[in-house]
Amino acid sequence: MTCYKPGERSRLIYRIREYRGRKDEPKGFGWRDFRDLIVRARIQLGGPIVLVWDNVRLHLAKPLRAFIAANADWLTVFQLPTYAPDLNPQGGVWSLVKRDIGNLAADLGQITRAVKHRLKQIQHHPDLVDSCLAGTGLIVDG
């Protein structure tokens, strides 16, 4: 999640899930994972959140929509158009990550560590997070 607040440094807040094929293990993020990430962002940012995200089916899930409605006092959500990867700063983040691990021949644990390492590097360079927003052509108006 790329976070922008006028007058403050940009932030990247993330969580990695490694799927190992175990019985009853989720393959990807569920609605609760997104909910928890949003709550974590609110705590870290210390204020209300305006969330702009794409139309991934999970973002439109009924329980997540109920969570958003129940927290409308601090959470506002805008949906991007149906297919608009060029408007999503996360695309820039993943481009930066893939650039570093694109030719990595490794096992799952090594790949996970490499992704975490690159995300941590990006996280500590707000200028990189800013460049991902700039790549969308969108601006923070504050």
N, C-alpha and C. Protein backbone atom coordinates (compact mmCIF):
# COMPACT_ATOMS: atom_id res chain seq x y z
N MET A 1 0.85 -1.15 0.00
CA MET A 1 0.00 0.00 0.00
C MET A 1 0.91 1.23 0.00
N THR A 2 0.77 2.05 -1.01
CA THR A 2 1.51 3.31 -1.04
C THR A 2 0.67 4.37 -0.36
N CYS A 3 1.30 5.14 0.51
CA CYS A 3 0.57 6.12 1.32
C CYS A 3 1.18 7.50 1.11
N TYR A 4 0.31 8.47 0.88
CA TYR A 4 0.73 9.84 0.63
C TYR A 4 -0.06 10.77 1.52
N LYS A 5 0.65 11.65 2.21
CA LYS A 5 0.02 12.65 3.05
C LYS A 5 0.75 13.96 2.81
N PRO A 6 0.03 15.00 2.34
CA PRO A 6 0.69 16.27 2.05
C PRO A 6 1.54 16.75 3.23
N GLY A 7 2.77 17.17 2.93
CA GLY A 7 3.67 17.68 3.94
C GLY A 7 4.46 16.62 4.68
N GLU A 8 4.20 15.34 4.40
CA GLU A 8 4.93 14.26 5.06
C GLU A 8 5.56 13.35 4.01
N ARG A 9 6.51 12.52 4.46
CA ARG A 9 7.15 11.61 3.52
C ARG A 9 6.17 10.53 3.09
N SER A 10 6.32 10.08 1.86
CA SER A 10 5.48 8.99 1.37
C SER A 10 5.90 7.69 2.05
N ARG A 11 4.96 6.78 2.14
CA ARG A 11 5.23 5.51 2.82
C ARG A 11 4.76 4.33 1.99
N LEU A 12 5.39 3.21 2.27
CA LEU A 12 4.97 1.93 1.69
C LEU A 12 4.70 1.01 2.86
N ILE A 13 3.47 0.50 2.93
CA ILE A 13 3.08 -0.43 3.99
C ILE A 13 2.70 -1.72 3.29
N TYR A 14 3.28 -2.83 3.73
CA TYR A 14 3.03 -4.09 3.02
C TYR A 14 3.02 -5.27 3.98
N ARG A 15 2.56 -6.38 3.44
CA ARG A 15 2.59 -7.66 4.14
C ARG A 15 2.81 -8.73 3.08
N ILE A 16 3.67 -9.67 3.36
CA ILE A 16 3.98 -10.76 2.44
C ILE A 16 3.28 -12.02 2.93
N ARG A 17 2.70 -12.76 2.00
CA ARG A 17 2.15 -14.08 2.32
C ARG A 17 2.85 -15.08 1.43
N GLU A 18 3.42 -16.09 2.06
CA GLU A 18 4.13 -17.14 1.34
C GLU A 18 3.27 -18.40 1.35
N TYR A 19 2.87 -18.87 0.17
CA TYR A 19 2.02 -20.06 0.07
C TYR A 19 2.90 -21.29 -0.09
N ARG A 20 2.76 -22.23 0.83
CA ARG A 20 3.57 -23.44 0.81
C ARG A 20 2.78 -24.69 0.45
N GLY A 21 1.51 -24.52 0.10
CA GLY A 21 0.70 -25.65 -0.34
C GLY A 21 0.18 -26.53 0.78
N ARG A 22 0.18 -26.02 1.99
CA ARG A 22 -0.33 -26.80 3.12
C ARG A 22 -1.85 -26.86 3.09
N LYS A 23 -2.38 -27.92 3.64
CA LYS A 23 -3.83 -28.09 3.70
C LYS A 23 -4.45 -26.92 4.48
N ASP A 24 -5.52 -26.37 3.96
CA ASP A 24 -6.27 -25.27 4.56
C ASP A 24 -5.50 -23.96 4.64
N GLU A 25 -4.36 -23.88 3.95
CA GLU A 25 -3.60 -22.63 3.92
C GLU A 25 -4.12 -21.77 2.77
N PRO A 26 -4.44 -20.50 3.05
CA PRO A 26 -4.92 -19.65 1.95
C PRO A 26 -3.82 -19.40 0.93
N LYS A 27 -4.21 -19.35 -0.35
CA LYS A 27 -3.23 -19.14 -1.41
C LYS A 27 -2.86 -17.67 -1.56
N GLY A 28 -3.72 -16.80 -1.14
CA GLY A 28 -3.45 -15.37 -1.29
C GLY A 28 -4.13 -14.59 -0.19
N PHE A 29 -4.15 -13.30 -0.37
CA PHE A 29 -4.79 -12.43 0.60
C PHE A 29 -6.29 -12.64 0.59
N GLY A 30 -6.87 -12.62 1.77
CA GLY A 30 -8.32 -12.65 1.92
C GLY A 30 -8.80 -11.28 2.35
N TRP A 31 -10.09 -11.12 2.48
CA TRP A 31 -10.63 -9.82 2.84
C TRP A 31 -10.13 -9.38 4.22
N ARG A 32 -9.94 -10.34 5.14
CA ARG A 32 -9.45 -9.98 6.48
C ARG A 32 -8.02 -9.42 6.41
N ASP A 33 -7.21 -9.96 5.48
CA ASP A 33 -5.85 -9.45 5.32
C ASP A 33 -5.87 -8.00 4.86
N PHE A 34 -6.76 -7.69 3.91
CA PHE A 34 -6.89 -6.30 3.46
C PHE A 34 -7.40 -5.41 4.59
N ARG A 35 -8.37 -5.90 5.32
CA ARG A 35 -8.90 -5.14 6.47
C ARG A 35 -7.77 -4.84 7.45
N ASP A 36 -6.99 -5.86 7.79
CA ASP A 36 -5.91 -5.68 8.75
C ASP A 36 -4.85 -4.71 8.24
N LEU A 37 -4.57 -4.74 6.94
CA LEU A 37 -3.60 -3.82 6.35
C LEU A 37 -4.11 -2.38 6.43
N ILE A 38 -5.39 -2.19 6.19
CA ILE A 38 -5.99 -0.85 6.27
C ILE A 38 -5.93 -0.34 7.71
N VAL A 39 -6.25 -1.20 8.67
CA VAL A 39 -6.20 -0.80 10.08
C VAL A 39 -4.76 -0.47 10.47
N ARG A 40 -3.82 -1.28 10.03
CA ARG A 40 -2.40 -1.02 10.31
C ARG A 40 -1.96 0.32 9.73
N ALA A 41 -2.42 0.62 8.52
CA ALA A 41 -2.08 1.90 7.88
C ALA A 41 -2.65 3.05 8.71
N ARG A 42 -3.86 2.91 9.17
CA ARG A 42 -4.47 3.97 9.98
C ARG A 42 -3.66 4.23 11.24
N ILE A 43 -3.23 3.15 11.89
CA ILE A 43 -2.44 3.30 13.12
C ILE A 43 -1.12 3.98 12.80
N GLN A 44 -0.44 3.53 11.74
CA GLN A 44 0.86 4.11 11.39
C GLN A 44 0.75 5.55 10.93
N LEU A 45 -0.29 5.87 10.20
CA LEU A 45 -0.44 7.22 9.65
C LEU A 45 -1.09 8.16 10.65
N GLY A 46 -1.80 7.62 11.63
CA GLY A 46 -2.37 8.44 12.68
C GLY A 46 -3.51 9.34 12.25
N GLY A 47 -4.37 8.85 11.40
CA GLY A 47 -5.49 9.69 11.00
C GLY A 47 -6.41 8.99 10.02
N PRO A 48 -7.35 9.75 9.50
CA PRO A 48 -8.29 9.17 8.53
C PRO A 48 -7.56 8.76 7.25
N ILE A 49 -8.19 7.86 6.52
CA ILE A 49 -7.59 7.33 5.29
C ILE A 49 -8.56 7.50 4.13
N VAL A 50 -8.02 7.96 3.02
CA VAL A 50 -8.74 7.94 1.75
C VAL A 50 -8.03 6.88 0.93
N LEU A 51 -8.73 5.81 0.65
CA LEU A 51 -8.16 4.66 -0.03
C LEU A 51 -8.60 4.66 -1.48
N VAL A 52 -7.63 4.59 -2.38
CA VAL A 52 -7.93 4.51 -3.81
C VAL A 52 -7.38 3.17 -4.26
N TRP A 53 -8.28 2.31 -4.73
CA TRP A 53 -7.78 1.00 -5.18
C TRP A 53 -8.51 0.50 -6.40
N ASP A 54 -7.92 -0.56 -6.95
CA ASP A 54 -8.45 -1.12 -8.19
C ASP A 54 -9.66 -2.00 -7.92
N ASN A 55 -10.18 -2.58 -8.96
CA ASN A 55 -11.41 -3.38 -8.84
C ASN A 55 -11.13 -4.87 -8.76
N VAL A 56 -10.06 -5.26 -8.07
CA VAL A 56 -9.82 -6.67 -7.83
C VAL A 56 -11.06 -7.21 -7.12
N ARG A 57 -11.50 -8.36 -7.53
CA ARG A 57 -12.74 -8.94 -7.00
C ARG A 57 -12.77 -8.93 -5.48
N LEU A 58 -11.64 -9.23 -4.85
CA LEU A 58 -11.60 -9.28 -3.39
C LEU A 58 -11.87 -7.91 -2.76
N HIS A 59 -11.46 -6.82 -3.43
CA HIS A 59 -11.72 -5.48 -2.91
C HIS A 59 -13.21 -5.18 -2.87
N LEU A 60 -13.97 -5.90 -3.66
CA LEU A 60 -15.42 -5.67 -3.74
C LEU A 60 -16.21 -6.68 -2.91
N ALA A 61 -15.51 -7.53 -2.15
CA ALA A 61 -16.16 -8.58 -1.36
C ALA A 61 -17.11 -7.97 -0.32
N LYS A 62 -18.21 -8.63 -0.11
CA LYS A 62 -19.25 -8.14 0.80
C LYS A 62 -18.73 -7.85 2.22
N PRO A 63 -17.96 -8.76 2.84
CA PRO A 63 -17.47 -8.45 4.20
C PRO A 63 -16.55 -7.23 4.24
N LEU A 64 -15.75 -7.05 3.20
CA LEU A 64 -14.85 -5.89 3.16
C LEU A 64 -15.64 -4.61 2.95
N ARG A 65 -16.66 -4.68 2.11
CA ARG A 65 -17.53 -3.51 1.91
C ARG A 65 -18.25 -3.15 3.21
N ALA A 66 -18.66 -4.18 3.98
CA ALA A 66 -19.31 -3.93 5.27
C ALA A 66 -18.33 -3.27 6.24
N PHE A 67 -17.08 -3.72 6.23
CA PHE A 67 -16.05 -3.10 7.08
C PHE A 67 -15.88 -1.63 6.71
N ILE A 68 -15.81 -1.35 5.42
CA ILE A 68 -15.65 0.03 4.95
C ILE A 68 -16.83 0.89 5.40
N ALA A 69 -18.04 0.36 5.23
CA ALA A 69 -19.25 1.10 5.63
C ALA A 69 -19.27 1.35 7.14
N ALA A 70 -18.84 0.36 7.91
CA ALA A 70 -18.84 0.49 9.38
C ALA A 70 -17.80 1.48 9.88
N ASN A 71 -16.82 1.80 9.03
CA ASN A 71 -15.74 2.69 9.45
C ASN A 71 -15.68 3.96 8.60
N ALA A 72 -16.83 4.36 8.10
CA ALA A 72 -16.91 5.53 7.22
C ALA A 72 -16.47 6.82 7.89
N ASP A 73 -16.40 6.84 9.21
CA ASP A 73 -15.96 8.04 9.91
C ASP A 73 -14.47 8.31 9.72
N TRP A 74 -13.67 7.28 9.38
CA TRP A 74 -12.24 7.48 9.15
C TRP A 74 -11.74 6.87 7.84
N LEU A 75 -12.62 6.18 7.11
CA LEU A 75 -12.20 5.49 5.89
C LEU A 75 -13.11 5.85 4.72
N THR A 76 -12.50 6.42 3.69
CA THR A 76 -13.21 6.74 2.46
C THR A 76 -12.54 5.97 1.33
N VAL A 77 -13.33 5.33 0.49
CA VAL A 77 -12.77 4.50 -0.58
C VAL A 77 -13.26 5.00 -1.93
N PHE A 78 -12.30 5.15 -2.86
CA PHE A 78 -12.59 5.45 -4.25
C PHE A 78 -12.08 4.29 -5.09
N GLN A 79 -12.89 3.83 -6.00
CA GLN A 79 -12.48 2.74 -6.90
C GLN A 79 -11.90 3.33 -8.18
N LEU A 80 -10.80 2.77 -8.63
CA LEU A 80 -10.25 3.13 -9.93
C LEU A 80 -11.18 2.58 -11.02
N PRO A 81 -11.07 3.08 -12.23
CA PRO A 81 -11.87 2.50 -13.32
C PRO A 81 -11.57 1.00 -13.46
N THR A 82 -12.45 0.30 -14.13
CA THR A 82 -12.38 -1.15 -14.23
C THR A 82 -10.99 -1.68 -14.59
N TYR A 83 -10.37 -1.17 -15.62
CA TYR A 83 -9.02 -1.62 -15.97
C TYR A 83 -8.15 -0.38 -16.14
N ALA A 84 -7.37 -0.08 -15.11
CA ALA A 84 -6.55 1.13 -15.15
C ALA A 84 -5.22 0.90 -14.42
N PRO A 85 -4.42 -0.07 -14.86
CA PRO A 85 -3.16 -0.32 -14.16
C PRO A 85 -2.22 0.88 -14.18
N ASP A 86 -2.37 1.73 -15.18
CA ASP A 86 -1.52 2.92 -15.29
C ASP A 86 -1.84 3.96 -14.20
N LEU A 87 -2.98 3.82 -13.52
CA LEU A 87 -3.35 4.75 -12.45
C LEU A 87 -3.02 4.20 -11.06
N ASN A 88 -2.46 3.00 -10.99
CA ASN A 88 -2.21 2.35 -9.72
C ASN A 88 -0.73 2.42 -9.36
N PRO A 89 -0.35 3.20 -8.33
CA PRO A 89 1.06 3.31 -7.96
C PRO A 89 1.71 1.98 -7.59
N GLN A 90 0.89 1.01 -7.16
CA GLN A 90 1.44 -0.29 -6.80
C GLN A 90 2.12 -0.96 -7.99
N GLY A 91 1.65 -0.67 -9.18
CA GLY A 91 2.29 -1.22 -10.37
C GLY A 91 3.74 -0.79 -10.47
N GLY A 92 4.02 0.46 -10.10
CA GLY A 92 5.39 0.96 -10.09
C GLY A 92 6.24 0.28 -9.04
N VAL A 93 5.63 0.03 -7.87
CA VAL A 93 6.36 -0.66 -6.80
C VAL A 93 6.76 -2.05 -7.27
N TRP A 94 5.79 -2.80 -7.83
CA TRP A 94 6.11 -4.16 -8.27
C TRP A 94 7.09 -4.17 -9.43
N SER A 95 7.06 -3.14 -10.25
CA SER A 95 8.05 -3.03 -11.32
C SER A 95 9.45 -2.91 -10.74
N LEU A 96 9.61 -2.10 -9.70
CA LEU A 96 10.90 -1.95 -9.03
C LEU A 96 11.35 -3.26 -8.40
N VAL A 97 10.42 -3.98 -7.80
CA VAL A 97 10.75 -5.27 -7.17
C VAL A 97 11.15 -6.28 -8.24
N LYS A 98 10.35 -6.40 -9.28
CA LYS A 98 10.62 -7.41 -10.33
C LYS A 98 11.92 -7.13 -11.05
N ARG A 99 12.29 -5.88 -11.17
CA ARG A 99 13.54 -5.51 -11.83
C ARG A 99 14.72 -6.16 -11.12
N ASP A 100 14.65 -6.26 -9.80
CA ASP A 100 15.75 -6.83 -9.01
C ASP A 100 15.71 -8.35 -8.91
N ILE A 101 14.54 -8.95 -9.01
CA ILE A 101 14.47 -10.40 -8.83
C ILE A 101 14.08 -11.14 -10.10
N GLY A 102 13.99 -10.44 -11.20
CA GLY A 102 13.52 -11.03 -12.45
C GLY A 102 14.28 -12.25 -12.91
N ASN A 103 15.57 -12.31 -12.68
CA ASN A 103 16.39 -13.44 -13.13
C ASN A 103 16.88 -14.30 -11.97
N LEU A 104 16.21 -14.22 -10.85
CA LEU A 104 16.60 -14.97 -9.67
C LEU A 104 16.15 -16.42 -9.79
N ALA A 105 17.09 -17.33 -9.75
CA ALA A 105 16.78 -18.77 -9.74
C ALA A 105 16.95 -19.23 -8.30
N ALA A 106 15.84 -19.45 -7.60
CA ALA A 106 15.91 -19.74 -6.18
C ALA A 106 14.68 -20.51 -5.73
N ASP A 107 14.72 -20.99 -4.50
CA ASP A 107 13.55 -21.64 -3.95
C ASP A 107 12.60 -20.57 -3.39
N LEU A 108 11.43 -20.99 -2.96
CA LEU A 108 10.41 -20.05 -2.50
C LEU A 108 10.89 -19.17 -1.36
N GLY A 109 11.59 -19.75 -0.40
CA GLY A 109 12.08 -18.97 0.73
C GLY A 109 13.05 -17.88 0.31
N GLN A 110 13.93 -18.20 -0.63
CA GLN A 110 14.89 -17.21 -1.12
C GLN A 110 14.18 -16.09 -1.88
N ILE A 111 13.19 -16.45 -2.67
CA ILE A 111 12.43 -15.45 -3.41
C ILE A 111 11.69 -14.53 -2.44
N THR A 112 11.06 -15.14 -1.43
CA THR A 112 10.35 -14.35 -0.42
C THR A 112 11.30 -13.37 0.27
N ARG A 113 12.48 -13.85 0.66
CA ARG A 113 13.46 -12.97 1.31
C ARG A 113 13.90 -11.85 0.37
N ALA A 114 14.09 -12.17 -0.92
CA ALA A 114 14.52 -11.15 -1.88
C ALA A 114 13.43 -10.10 -2.07
N VAL A 115 12.17 -10.52 -2.13
CA VAL A 115 11.06 -9.58 -2.27
C VAL A 115 10.96 -8.70 -1.03
N LYS A 116 11.03 -9.32 0.15
CA LYS A 116 10.98 -8.53 1.40
C LYS A 116 12.12 -7.52 1.47
N HIS A 117 13.31 -7.96 1.08
CA HIS A 117 14.48 -7.07 1.11
C HIS A 117 14.27 -5.88 0.19
N ARG A 118 13.79 -6.12 -1.03
CA ARG A 118 13.58 -5.02 -1.98
C ARG A 118 12.46 -4.10 -1.51
N LEU A 119 11.38 -4.65 -0.98
CA LEU A 119 10.29 -3.81 -0.46
C LEU A 119 10.78 -2.95 0.70
N LYS A 120 11.62 -3.51 1.56
CA LYS A 120 12.18 -2.74 2.68
C LYS A 120 13.05 -1.60 2.15
N GLN A 121 13.85 -1.86 1.09
CA GLN A 121 14.67 -0.80 0.50
C GLN A 121 13.78 0.32 -0.04
N ILE A 122 12.73 -0.07 -0.75
CA ILE A 122 11.80 0.93 -1.31
C ILE A 122 11.14 1.70 -0.17
N GLN A 123 10.77 0.99 0.88
CA GLN A 123 10.11 1.59 2.03
C GLN A 123 10.96 2.70 2.65
N HIS A 124 12.26 2.54 2.63
CA HIS A 124 13.16 3.52 3.25
C HIS A 124 13.61 4.61 2.29
N HIS A 125 13.05 4.63 1.09
CA HIS A 125 13.36 5.67 0.11
C HIS A 125 12.06 6.29 -0.40
N PRO A 126 11.53 7.28 0.35
CA PRO A 126 10.26 7.90 -0.03
C PRO A 126 10.26 8.44 -1.47
N ASP A 127 11.45 8.80 -1.97
CA ASP A 127 11.53 9.30 -3.35
C ASP A 127 11.12 8.22 -4.35
N LEU A 128 11.41 6.95 -4.03
CA LEU A 128 10.98 5.85 -4.91
C LEU A 128 9.46 5.69 -4.86
N VAL A 129 8.90 5.80 -3.66
CA VAL A 129 7.44 5.71 -3.52
C VAL A 129 6.80 6.87 -4.27
N ASP A 130 7.38 8.08 -4.13
CA ASP A 130 6.87 9.25 -4.86
C ASP A 130 6.92 9.03 -6.36
N SER A 131 8.00 8.40 -6.85
CA SER A 131 8.11 8.17 -8.30
C SER A 131 7.02 7.24 -8.80
N CYS A 132 6.58 6.32 -7.95
CA CYS A 132 5.49 5.41 -8.35
C CYS A 132 4.18 6.18 -8.50
N LEU A 133 3.95 7.16 -7.62
CA LEU A 133 2.76 8.01 -7.77
C LEU A 133 2.92 8.89 -9.00
N ALA A 134 4.11 9.47 -9.19
CA ALA A 134 4.33 10.35 -10.35
C ALA A 134 4.11 9.59 -11.65
N GLY A 135 4.44 8.31 -11.66
CA GLY A 135 4.26 7.49 -12.86
C GLY A 135 2.81 7.32 -13.27
N THR A 136 1.90 7.57 -12.34
CA THR A 136 0.47 7.46 -12.65
C THR A 136 -0.09 8.72 -13.28
N GLY A 137 0.63 9.83 -13.09
CA GLY A 137 0.12 11.12 -13.55
C GLY A 137 -0.85 11.74 -12.57
N LEU A 138 -1.16 11.04 -11.47
CA LEU A 138 -2.03 11.58 -10.44
C LEU A 138 -1.21 12.46 -9.52
N ILE A 139 -1.87 13.39 -8.85
CA ILE A 139 -1.18 14.29 -7.93
C ILE A 139 -1.86 14.26 -6.58
N VAL A 140 -1.08 14.55 -5.55
CA VAL A 140 -1.63 14.71 -4.21
C VAL A 140 -1.91 16.20 -4.07
N ASP A 141 -3.16 16.55 -3.89
CA ASP A 141 -3.55 17.97 -3.77
C ASP A 141 -3.89 18.23 -2.32
N GLY A 142 -3.05 18.96 -1.65
CA GLY A 142 -3.30 19.14 -0.24
C GLY A 142 -3.16 20.53 0.15
